[in-house]
């Protein structure tokens, strides 16, 4: 898993990490664990928007939301988002402070939201 940086000072240490989870773990459970572990940076003002991708957009995560909004069935096993070798690469793309409702709507319509 990896995430984008929110500011120049956020680039000091790499964000990429590897974790092992049972392949039958749901996407929702894996993401919930990452969020509980504070994997994403919090920004002043409390309005960070992230797009979770694994080859395609899977969810929008917003600092001001209580939980992610999924573009896929979050109960699917994490292994269903992996490559032929079973490896899953999750990337949280920082989408600045853009309105997460708009970002979600654009992605749900098959469009990449403006940045």
Protein backbone atom coordinates (compact mmCIF):
# COMPACT_ATOMS: atom_id res chain seq x y z
CA UNK A 1 0.00 0.00 0.00
CA UNK A 2 1.07 3.55 -0.56
CA UNK A 3 -0.33 7.04 -0.37
CA UNK A 4 0.32 10.39 -1.95
CA UNK A 5 1.96 13.18 -0.02
CA UNK A 6 -0.05 16.10 1.30
CA UNK A 7 2.84 18.61 1.48
CA UNK A 8 6.57 18.85 0.82
CA UNK A 9 7.42 18.03 4.44
CA UNK A 10 5.30 14.90 4.15
CA UNK A 11 7.84 13.50 1.66
CA UNK A 12 10.61 13.08 4.24
CA UNK A 13 9.82 9.39 4.84
CA UNK A 14 8.38 6.93 2.32
CA UNK A 15 4.72 6.02 2.74
CA UNK A 16 4.83 2.61 1.06
CA UNK A 17 4.25 -0.34 3.37
CA UNK A 18 3.63 -4.03 2.98
CA UNK A 19 1.25 -5.92 5.20
CA UNK A 20 0.02 -9.48 5.17
CA UNK A 21 -3.68 -10.06 5.50
CA UNK A 22 -5.68 -13.23 4.96
CA UNK A 23 -6.80 -13.30 1.30
CA UNK A 24 -10.42 -13.74 2.35
CA UNK A 25 -10.39 -10.47 4.34
CA UNK A 26 -12.87 -8.03 2.87
CA UNK A 27 -11.73 -4.86 1.18
CA UNK A 28 -13.78 -2.92 3.73
CA UNK A 29 -12.08 -4.60 6.67
CA UNK A 30 -8.61 -3.98 5.24
CA UNK A 31 -9.35 -0.31 4.59
CA UNK A 32 -10.92 0.09 8.03
CA UNK A 33 -7.74 -1.31 9.59
CA UNK A 34 -5.58 1.10 7.61
CA UNK A 35 -7.71 4.05 8.67
CA UNK A 36 -7.73 2.95 12.32
CA UNK A 37 -3.94 2.76 12.12
CA UNK A 38 -3.82 6.36 10.84
CA UNK A 39 -2.19 5.41 7.54
CA UNK A 40 -3.54 8.57 5.88
CA UNK A 41 -2.20 11.98 6.80
CA UNK A 42 -4.59 14.37 8.48
CA UNK A 43 -4.47 17.95 7.32
CA UNK A 44 -5.25 21.20 9.05
CA UNK A 45 -8.81 22.24 8.34
CA UNK A 46 -9.97 18.60 8.25
CA UNK A 47 -10.90 18.37 4.58
CA UNK A 48 -8.51 15.94 2.89
CA UNK A 49 -9.96 13.82 0.07
CA UNK A 50 -8.38 10.55 -1.07
CA UNK A 51 -9.18 8.20 -3.95
CA UNK A 52 -8.36 4.57 -3.22
CA UNK A 53 -7.20 2.71 -6.32
CA UNK A 54 -6.03 -0.80 -7.12
CA UNK A 55 -5.79 -0.60 -10.89
CA UNK A 56 -9.14 1.22 -10.85
CA UNK A 57 -10.91 3.51 -8.38
CA UNK A 58 -12.36 1.54 -5.48
CA UNK A 59 -13.44 4.19 -2.98
CA UNK A 60 -13.32 7.78 -1.87
CA UNK A 61 -12.04 8.47 1.64
CA UNK A 62 -12.56 11.91 3.13
CA UNK A 63 -11.20 13.23 6.38
CA UNK A 64 -14.59 14.79 7.12
CA UNK A 65 -16.55 11.55 6.50
CA UNK A 66 -17.07 8.89 9.14
CA UNK A 67 -16.39 6.10 6.64
CA UNK A 68 -15.27 5.57 3.05
CA UNK A 69 -17.74 5.46 0.18
CA UNK A 70 -17.09 2.52 -2.08
CA UNK A 71 -17.42 2.29 -5.84
CA UNK A 72 -17.22 -1.51 -5.56
CA UNK A 73 -18.66 -4.07 -3.17
CA UNK A 74 -16.53 -3.60 -0.05
CA UNK A 75 -17.43 -7.09 1.16
CA UNK A 76 -15.44 -8.64 -1.69
CA UNK A 77 -12.27 -10.43 -0.58
CA UNK A 78 -9.14 -8.33 -0.85
CA UNK A 79 -7.61 -11.05 -3.04
CA UNK A 80 -10.13 -10.24 -5.79
CA UNK A 81 -8.32 -6.91 -6.32
CA UNK A 82 -4.90 -8.50 -6.81
CA UNK A 83 -2.68 -9.37 -9.74
CA UNK A 84 -2.05 -12.86 -11.12
CA UNK A 85 0.37 -13.54 -8.28
CA UNK A 86 -2.22 -12.62 -5.65
CA UNK A 87 -0.49 -9.38 -4.70
CA UNK A 88 -2.77 -6.43 -4.05
CA UNK A 89 -1.42 -2.89 -4.43
CA UNK A 90 -3.58 -0.27 -2.80
CA UNK A 91 -2.81 3.38 -3.50
CA UNK A 92 -4.48 6.30 -1.80
CA UNK A 93 -4.25 9.24 -4.21
CA UNK A 94 -4.45 12.58 -2.42
CA UNK A 95 -7.11 14.72 -4.10
CA UNK A 96 -6.40 17.85 -2.09
CA UNK A 97 -9.38 19.47 -0.42
CA UNK A 98 -11.80 18.89 -3.27
CA UNK A 99 -15.41 18.22 -2.37
CA UNK A 100 -15.50 14.44 -1.76
CA UNK A 101 -19.17 14.21 -2.78
CA UNK A 102 -18.27 15.65 -6.20
CA UNK A 103 -15.20 13.42 -6.48
CA UNK A 104 -17.33 10.36 -5.70
CA UNK A 105 -20.05 11.37 -8.17
CA UNK A 106 -17.51 11.88 -10.96
CA UNK A 107 -15.86 8.53 -10.33
CA UNK A 108 -19.24 6.78 -10.13
CA UNK A 109 -20.05 8.26 -13.55
CA UNK A 110 -16.80 6.87 -14.95
CA UNK A 111 -14.98 10.19 -15.09
CA UNK A 112 -11.81 11.27 -13.34
CA UNK A 113 -12.59 14.37 -11.29
CA UNK A 114 -10.67 17.56 -11.94
CA UNK A 115 -7.85 18.21 -9.61
